[in-house]
Amino acid sequence: MMRSKKKWSDLTPQQRAGVLGLVALQAALAAFAQRDLGSRSADELRGPKILWRFMTLNTLGAIAYLTIGRVGRPI
């Protein structure tokens, strides 16, 4: 039996709020990580800066950057 995708209008208000909350969290993490990347020199990072720029657009990439990608001074 195949299930069709749910449309936005099929979601309950609580489900919509959950989706919007997750989108806001992802956007905030990406923005914070990008800003932090801009303030650090290449020698304060584990790996190439351009790689972290692309990776932080994804939620898991932003979390990885914030936990293991930085070296040196704290936030």
PDB file of N, CA and C in Angstrom:
ATOM      1  N   MET A   1       0.842  -1.170   0.000  1.00  0.00           N
ATOM      2  CA  MET A   1       0.000   0.000   0.000  1.00  0.00           C
ATOM      3  C   MET A   1       0.893   1.242   0.000  1.00  0.00           C
ATOM      4  N   MET A   2       0.684   2.150  -0.922  1.00  0.00           N
ATOM      5  CA  MET A   2       1.496   3.352  -1.031  1.00  0.00           C
ATOM      6  C   MET A   2       0.807   4.511  -0.307  1.00  0.00           C
ATOM      7  N   ARG A   3       1.607   5.223   0.455  1.00  0.00           N
ATOM      8  CA  ARG A   3       1.091   6.420   1.124  1.00  0.00           C
ATOM      9  C   ARG A   3       1.468   7.634   0.312  1.00  0.00           C
ATOM     10  N   SER A   4       0.553   8.548   0.176  1.00  0.00           N
ATOM     11  CA  SER A   4       0.882   9.784  -0.525  1.00  0.00           C
ATOM     12  C   SER A   4       1.454  10.786   0.475  1.00  0.00           C
ATOM     13  N   LYS A   5       2.218  11.730  -0.046  1.00  0.00           N
ATOM     14  CA  LYS A   5       2.788  12.762   0.817  1.00  0.00           C
ATOM     15  C   LYS A   5       1.688  13.621   1.393  1.00  0.00           C
ATOM     16  N   LYS A   6       1.910  14.052   2.630  1.00  0.00           N
ATOM     17  CA  LYS A   6       0.964  14.982   3.233  1.00  0.00           C
ATOM     18  C   LYS A   6       1.231  16.385   2.721  1.00  0.00           C
ATOM     19  N   LYS A   7       0.198  17.098   2.499  1.00  0.00           N
ATOM     20  CA  LYS A   7       0.318  18.501   2.118  1.00  0.00           C
ATOM     21  C   LYS A   7       0.312  19.339   3.386  1.00  0.00           C
ATOM     22  N   TRP A   8       0.796  20.559   3.258  1.00  0.00           N
ATOM     23  CA  TRP A   8       0.827  21.472   4.399  1.00  0.00           C
ATOM     24  C   TRP A   8      -0.573  21.614   4.993  1.00  0.00           C
ATOM     25  N   SER A   9      -1.570  21.687   4.148  1.00  0.00           N
ATOM     26  CA  SER A   9      -2.952  21.867   4.620  1.00  0.00           C
ATOM     27  C   SER A   9      -3.481  20.632   5.347  1.00  0.00           C
ATOM     28  N   ASP A  10      -2.838  19.477   5.170  1.00  0.00           N
ATOM     29  CA  ASP A  10      -3.261  18.250   5.858  1.00  0.00           C
ATOM     30  C   ASP A  10      -2.706  18.162   7.281  1.00  0.00           C
ATOM     31  N   LEU A  11      -1.715  18.979   7.602  1.00  0.00           N
ATOM     32  CA  LEU A  11      -1.090  18.925   8.923  1.00  0.00           C
ATOM     33  C   LEU A  11      -1.949  19.631   9.962  1.00  0.00           C
ATOM     34  N   THR A  12      -1.861  19.131  11.198  1.00  0.00           N
ATOM     35  CA  THR A  12      -2.559  19.788  12.301  1.00  0.00           C
ATOM     36  C   THR A  12      -1.788  21.047  12.679  1.00  0.00           C
ATOM     37  N   PRO A  13      -2.413  21.952  13.407  1.00  0.00           N
ATOM     38  CA  PRO A  13      -1.681  23.153  13.849  1.00  0.00           C
ATOM     39  C   PRO A  13      -0.431  22.817  14.667  1.00  0.00           C
ATOM     40  N   GLN A  14      -0.491  21.766  15.480  1.00  0.00           N
ATOM     41  CA  GLN A  14       0.679  21.368  16.268  1.00  0.00           C
ATOM     42  C   GLN A  14       1.795  20.854  15.363  1.00  0.00           C
ATOM     43  N   GLN A  15       1.455  20.100  14.335  1.00  0.00           N
ATOM     44  CA  GLN A  15       2.464  19.613  13.398  1.00  0.00           C
ATOM     45  C   GLN A  15       3.087  20.760  12.619  1.00  0.00           C
ATOM     46  N   ARG A  16       2.269  21.706  12.225  1.00  0.00           N
ATOM     47  CA  ARG A  16       2.799  22.886  11.516  1.00  0.00           C
ATOM     48  C   ARG A  16       3.762  23.659  12.400  1.00  0.00           C
ATOM     49  N   ALA A  17       3.382  23.838  13.669  1.00  0.00           N
ATOM     50  CA  ALA A  17       4.253  24.556  14.603  1.00  0.00           C
ATOM     51  C   ALA A  17       5.567  23.799  14.800  1.00  0.00           C
ATOM     52  N   GLY A  18       5.502  22.480  14.860  1.00  0.00           N
ATOM     53  CA  GLY A  18       6.712  21.677  15.000  1.00  0.00           C
ATOM     54  C   GLY A  18       7.640  21.826  13.812  1.00  0.00           C
ATOM     55  N   VAL A  19       7.080  21.795  12.615  1.00  0.00           N
ATOM     56  CA  VAL A  19       7.883  21.961  11.406  1.00  0.00           C
ATOM     57  C   VAL A  19       8.527  23.345  11.388  1.00  0.00           C
ATOM     58  N   LEU A  20       7.747  24.368  11.691  1.00  0.00           N
ATOM     59  CA  LEU A  20       8.288  25.737  11.693  1.00  0.00           C
ATOM     60  C   LEU A  20       9.360  25.909  12.769  1.00  0.00           C
ATOM     61  N   GLY A  21       9.178  25.258  13.911  1.00  0.00           N
ATOM     62  CA  GLY A  21      10.185  25.317  14.970  1.00  0.00           C
ATOM     63  C   GLY A  21      11.494  24.683  14.540  1.00  0.00           C
ATOM     64  N   LEU A  22      11.412  23.539  13.865  1.00  0.00           N
ATOM     65  CA  LEU A  22      12.627  22.877  13.385  1.00  0.00           C
ATOM     66  C   LEU A  22      13.318  23.694  12.304  1.00  0.00           C
ATOM     67  N   VAL A  23      12.547  24.319  11.437  1.00  0.00           N
ATOM     68  CA  VAL A  23      13.125  25.177  10.399  1.00  0.00           C
ATOM     69  C   VAL A  23      13.832  26.373  11.042  1.00  0.00           C
ATOM     70  N   ALA A  24      13.210  26.965  12.054  1.00  0.00           N
ATOM     71  CA  ALA A  24      13.818  28.108  12.750  1.00  0.00           C
ATOM     72  C   ALA A  24      15.107  27.688  13.452  1.00  0.00           C
ATOM     73  N   LEU A  25      15.107  26.507  14.069  1.00  0.00           N
ATOM     74  CA  LEU A  25      16.309  26.007  14.738  1.00  0.00           C
ATOM     75  C   LEU A  25      17.437  25.798  13.742  1.00  0.00           C
ATOM     76  N   GLN A  26      17.134  25.196  12.605  1.00  0.00           N
ATOM     77  CA  GLN A  26      18.150  24.964  11.575  1.00  0.00           C
ATOM     78  C   GLN A  26      18.705  26.281  11.060  1.00  0.00           C
ATOM     79  N   ALA A  27      17.837  27.258  10.821  1.00  0.00           N
ATOM     80  CA  ALA A  27      18.282  28.559  10.316  1.00  0.00           C
ATOM     81  C   ALA A  27      19.168  29.265  11.351  1.00  0.00           C
ATOM     82  N   ALA A  28      18.794  29.186  12.613  1.00  0.00           N
ATOM     83  CA  ALA A  28      19.584  29.828  13.671  1.00  0.00           C
ATOM     84  C   ALA A  28      20.956  29.169  13.804  1.00  0.00           C
ATOM     85  N   LEU A  29      20.996  27.835  13.773  1.00  0.00           N
ATOM     86  CA  LEU A  29      22.280  27.130  13.851  1.00  0.00           C
ATOM     87  C   LEU A  29      23.181  27.493  12.675  1.00  0.00           C
ATOM     88  N   ALA A  30      22.616  27.499  11.475  1.00  0.00           N
ATOM     89  CA  ALA A  30      23.400  27.825  10.279  1.00  0.00           C
ATOM     90  C   ALA A  30      23.912  29.259  10.356  1.00  0.00           C
ATOM     91  N   ALA A  31      23.063  30.192  10.761  1.00  0.00           N
ATOM     92  CA  ALA A  31      23.472  31.599  10.838  1.00  0.00           C
ATOM     93  C   ALA A  31      24.580  31.789  11.875  1.00  0.00           C
ATOM     94  N   PHE A  32      24.424  31.156  13.039  1.00  0.00           N
ATOM     95  CA  PHE A  32      25.438  31.279  14.081  1.00  0.00           C
ATOM     96  C   PHE A  32      26.762  30.692  13.615  1.00  0.00           C
ATOM     97  N   ALA A  33      26.714  29.507  13.009  1.00  0.00           N
ATOM     98  CA  ALA A  33      27.940  28.855  12.551  1.00  0.00           C
ATOM     99  C   ALA A  33      28.616  29.681  11.454  1.00  0.00           C
ATOM    100  N   GLN A  34      27.833  30.220  10.532  1.00  0.00           N
ATOM    101  CA  GLN A  34      28.410  31.043   9.460  1.00  0.00           C
ATOM    102  C   GLN A  34      29.057  32.308  10.031  1.00  0.00           C
ATOM    103  N   ARG A  35      28.398  32.916  10.990  1.00  0.00           N
ATOM    104  CA  ARG A  35      28.963  34.126  11.607  1.00  0.00           C
ATOM    105  C   ARG A  35      30.259  33.800  12.352  1.00  0.00           C
ATOM    106  N   ASP A  36      30.250  32.688  13.073  1.00  0.00           N
ATOM    107  CA  ASP A  36      31.447  32.276  13.804  1.00  0.00           C
ATOM    108  C   ASP A  36      32.583  31.965  12.840  1.00  0.00           C
ATOM    109  N   LEU A  37      32.264  31.301  11.721  1.00  0.00           N
ATOM    110  CA  LEU A  37      33.280  31.013  10.709  1.00  0.00           C
ATOM    111  C   LEU A  37      33.907  32.291  10.166  1.00  0.00           C
ATOM    112  N   GLY A  38      33.097  33.305   9.978  1.00  0.00           N
ATOM    113  CA  GLY A  38      33.605  34.570   9.459  1.00  0.00           C
ATOM    114  C   GLY A  38      34.551  35.276  10.406  1.00  0.00           C
ATOM    115  N   SER A  39      34.415  34.991  11.687  1.00  0.00           N
ATOM    116  CA  SER A  39      35.248  35.674  12.670  1.00  0.00           C
ATOM    117  C   SER A  39      36.522  34.909  13.009  1.00  0.00           C
ATOM    118  N   ARG A  40      36.711  33.730  12.448  1.00  0.00           N
ATOM    119  CA  ARG A  40      37.880  32.906  12.764  1.00  0.00           C
ATOM    120  C   ARG A  40      38.843  32.840  11.582  1.00  0.00           C
ATOM    121  N   SER A  41      40.122  32.726  11.914  1.00  0.00           N
ATOM    122  CA  SER A  41      41.131  32.544  10.864  1.00  0.00           C
ATOM    123  C   SER A  41      41.213  31.054  10.528  1.00  0.00           C
ATOM    124  N   ALA A  42      41.861  30.743   9.418  1.00  0.00           N
ATOM    125  CA  ALA A  42      41.961  29.358   8.961  1.00  0.00           C
ATOM    126  C   ALA A  42      42.703  28.467   9.957  1.00  0.00           C
ATOM    127  N   ASP A  43      43.654  29.040  10.697  1.00  0.00           N
ATOM    128  CA  ASP A  43      44.395  28.217  11.654  1.00  0.00           C
ATOM    129  C   ASP A  43      43.611  27.938  12.930  1.00  0.00           C
ATOM    130  N   GLU A  44      42.435  28.516  13.079  1.00  0.00           N
ATOM    131  CA  GLU A  44      41.573  28.230  14.227  1.00  0.00           C
ATOM    132  C   GLU A  44      40.504  27.190  13.888  1.00  0.00           C
ATOM    133  N   LEU A  45      40.650  26.542  12.736  1.00  0.00           N
ATOM    134  CA  LEU A  45      39.665  25.559  12.291  1.00  0.00           C
ATOM    135  C   LEU A  45      40.332  24.221  12.028  1.00  0.00           C
ATOM    136  N   ARG A  46      39.570  23.172  12.201  1.00  0.00           N
ATOM    137  CA  ARG A  46      40.021  21.835  11.825  1.00  0.00           C
ATOM    138  C   ARG A  46      39.488  21.563  10.425  1.00  0.00           C
ATOM    139  N   GLY A  47      40.283  21.790   9.430  1.00  0.00           N
ATOM    140  CA  GLY A  47      39.876  21.587   8.051  1.00  0.00           C
ATOM    141  C   GLY A  47      39.745  22.897   7.305  1.00  0.00           C
ATOM    142  N   PRO A  48      39.503  22.805   6.008  1.00  0.00           N
ATOM    143  CA  PRO A  48      39.395  24.013   5.178  1.00  0.00           C
ATOM    144  C   PRO A  48      38.128  24.817   5.481  1.00  0.00           C
ATOM    145  N   LYS A  49      38.283  26.107   5.484  1.00  0.00           N
ATOM    146  CA  LYS A  49      37.170  27.008   5.784  1.00  0.00           C
ATOM    147  C   LYS A  49      36.028  26.839   4.776  1.00  0.00           C
ATOM    148  N   ILE A  50      36.352  26.684   3.500  1.00  0.00           N
ATOM    149  CA  ILE A  50      35.315  26.558   2.482  1.00  0.00           C
ATOM    150  C   ILE A  50      34.474  25.300   2.711  1.00  0.00           C
ATOM    151  N   LEU A  51      35.109  24.230   3.165  1.00  0.00           N
ATOM    152  CA  LEU A  51      34.380  22.999   3.469  1.00  0.00           C
ATOM    153  C   LEU A  51      33.380  23.240   4.591  1.00  0.00           C
ATOM    154  N   TRP A  52      33.807  23.926   5.647  1.00  0.00           N
ATOM    155  CA  TRP A  52      32.900  24.224   6.759  1.00  0.00           C
ATOM    156  C   TRP A  52      31.781  25.165   6.315  1.00  0.00           C
ATOM    157  N   ARG A  53      32.067  26.083   5.404  1.00  0.00           N
ATOM    158  CA  ARG A  53      31.019  26.980   4.889  1.00  0.00           C
ATOM    159  C   ARG A  53      29.869  26.174   4.286  1.00  0.00           C
ATOM    160  N   PHE A  54      30.218  25.177   3.476  1.00  0.00           N
ATOM    161  CA  PHE A  54      29.182  24.355   2.847  1.00  0.00           C
ATOM    162  C   PHE A  54      28.515  23.428   3.853  1.00  0.00           C
ATOM    163  N   MET A  55      29.300  22.835   4.733  1.00  0.00           N
ATOM    164  CA  MET A  55      28.743  21.871   5.687  1.00  0.00           C
ATOM    165  C   MET A  55      27.777  22.514   6.676  1.00  0.00           C
ATOM    166  N   THR A  56      28.021  23.765   7.041  1.00  0.00           N
ATOM    167  CA  THR A  56      27.176  24.398   8.047  1.00  0.00           C
ATOM    168  C   THR A  56      25.809  24.798   7.508  1.00  0.00           C
ATOM    169  N   LEU A  57      25.566  24.619   6.219  1.00  0.00           N
ATOM    170  CA  LEU A  57      24.232  24.871   5.675  1.00  0.00           C
ATOM    171  C   LEU A  57      23.268  23.752   6.063  1.00  0.00           C
ATOM    172  N   ASN A  58      23.806  22.644   6.499  1.00  0.00           N
ATOM    173  CA  ASN A  58      23.021  21.502   6.950  1.00  0.00           C
ATOM    174  C   ASN A  58      23.039  21.486   8.478  1.00  0.00           C
ATOM    175  N   THR A  59      21.974  21.051   9.097  1.00  0.00           N
ATOM    176  CA  THR A  59      21.889  21.048  10.561  1.00  0.00           C
ATOM    177  C   THR A  59      23.009  20.219  11.185  1.00  0.00           C
ATOM    178  N   LEU A  60      23.213  19.009  10.689  1.00  0.00           N
ATOM    179  CA  LEU A  60      24.275  18.164  11.259  1.00  0.00           C
ATOM    180  C   LEU A  60      25.651  18.759  11.010  1.00  0.00           C
ATOM    181  N   GLY A  61      25.839  19.413   9.881  1.00  0.00           N
ATOM    182  CA  GLY A  61      27.110  20.070   9.605  1.00  0.00           C
ATOM    183  C   GLY A  61      27.377  21.222  10.562  1.00  0.00           C
ATOM    184  N   ALA A  62      26.344  21.995  10.869  1.00  0.00           N
ATOM    185  CA  ALA A  62      26.496  23.106  11.816  1.00  0.00           C
ATOM    186  C   ALA A  62      26.824  22.582  13.210  1.00  0.00           C
ATOM    187  N   ILE A  63      26.167  21.505  13.610  1.00  0.00           N
ATOM    188  CA  ILE A  63      26.454  20.913  14.921  1.00  0.00           C
ATOM    189  C   ILE A  63      27.879  20.362  14.945  1.00  0.00           C
ATOM    190  N   ALA A  64      28.292  19.716  13.857  1.00  0.00           N
ATOM    191  CA  ALA A  64      29.660  19.184  13.781  1.00  0.00           C
ATOM    192  C   ALA A  64      30.679  20.316  13.868  1.00  0.00           C
ATOM    193  N   TYR A  65      30.438  21.392  13.151  1.00  0.00           N
ATOM    194  CA  TYR A  65      31.361  22.534  13.200  1.00  0.00           C
ATOM    195  C   TYR A  65      31.468  23.080  14.619  1.00  0.00           C
ATOM    196  N   LEU A  66      30.333  23.285  15.260  1.00  0.00           N
ATOM    197  CA  LEU A  66      30.339  23.877  16.594  1.00  0.00           C
ATOM    198  C   LEU A  66      30.969  22.963  17.641  1.00  0.00           C
ATOM    199  N   THR A  67      30.924  21.659  17.422  1.00  0.00           N
ATOM    200  CA  THR A  67      31.492  20.725  18.416  1.00  0.00           C
ATOM    201  C   THR A  67      32.927  20.329  18.128  1.00  0.00           C
ATOM    202  N   ILE A  68      33.274  20.073  16.847  1.00  0.00           N
ATOM    203  CA  ILE A  68      34.625  19.582  16.557  1.00  0.00           C
ATOM    204  C   ILE A  68      35.394  20.421  15.560  1.00  0.00           C
ATOM    205  N   GLY A  69      34.756  21.334  14.882  1.00  0.00           N
ATOM    206  CA  GLY A  69      35.412  22.070  13.802  1.00  0.00           C
ATOM    207  C   GLY A  69      36.281  23.226  14.248  1.00  0.00           C
ATOM    208  N   ARG A  70      36.115  23.672  15.486  1.00  0.00           N
ATOM    209  CA  ARG A  70      36.843  24.863  15.929  1.00  0.00           C
ATOM    210  C   ARG A  70      37.992  24.484  16.851  1.00  0.00           C
ATOM    211  N   VAL A  71      39.052  25.261  16.750  1.00  0.00           N
ATOM    212  CA  VAL A  71      40.238  25.099  17.595  1.00  0.00           C
ATOM    213  C   VAL A  71      40.555  26.482  18.158  1.00  0.00           C
ATOM    214  N   GLY A  72      41.149  26.530  19.309  1.00  0.00           N
ATOM    215  CA  GLY A  72      41.576  27.831  19.821  1.00  0.00           C
ATOM    216  C   GLY A  72      40.554  28.484  20.733  1.00  0.00           C
ATOM    217  N   ARG A  73      40.334  29.754  20.512  1.00  0.00           N
ATOM    218  CA  ARG A  73      39.505  30.556  21.418  1.00  0.00           C
ATOM    219  C   ARG A  73      38.065  30.048  21.470  1.00  0.00           C
ATOM    220  N   PRO A  74      37.430  30.153  22.630  1.00  0.00           N
ATOM    221  CA  PRO A  74      36.013  29.761  22.748  1.00  0.00           C
ATOM    222  C   PRO A  74      35.128  30.784  22.068  1.00  0.00           C
ATOM    223  N   ILE A  75      33.837  30.524  22.078  1.00  0.00           N
ATOM    224  CA  ILE A  75      32.851  31.397  21.416  1.00  0.00           C
ATOM    225  C   ILE A  75      32.967  32.824  21.873  1.00  0.00           C
TER     226      ILE A  75
END
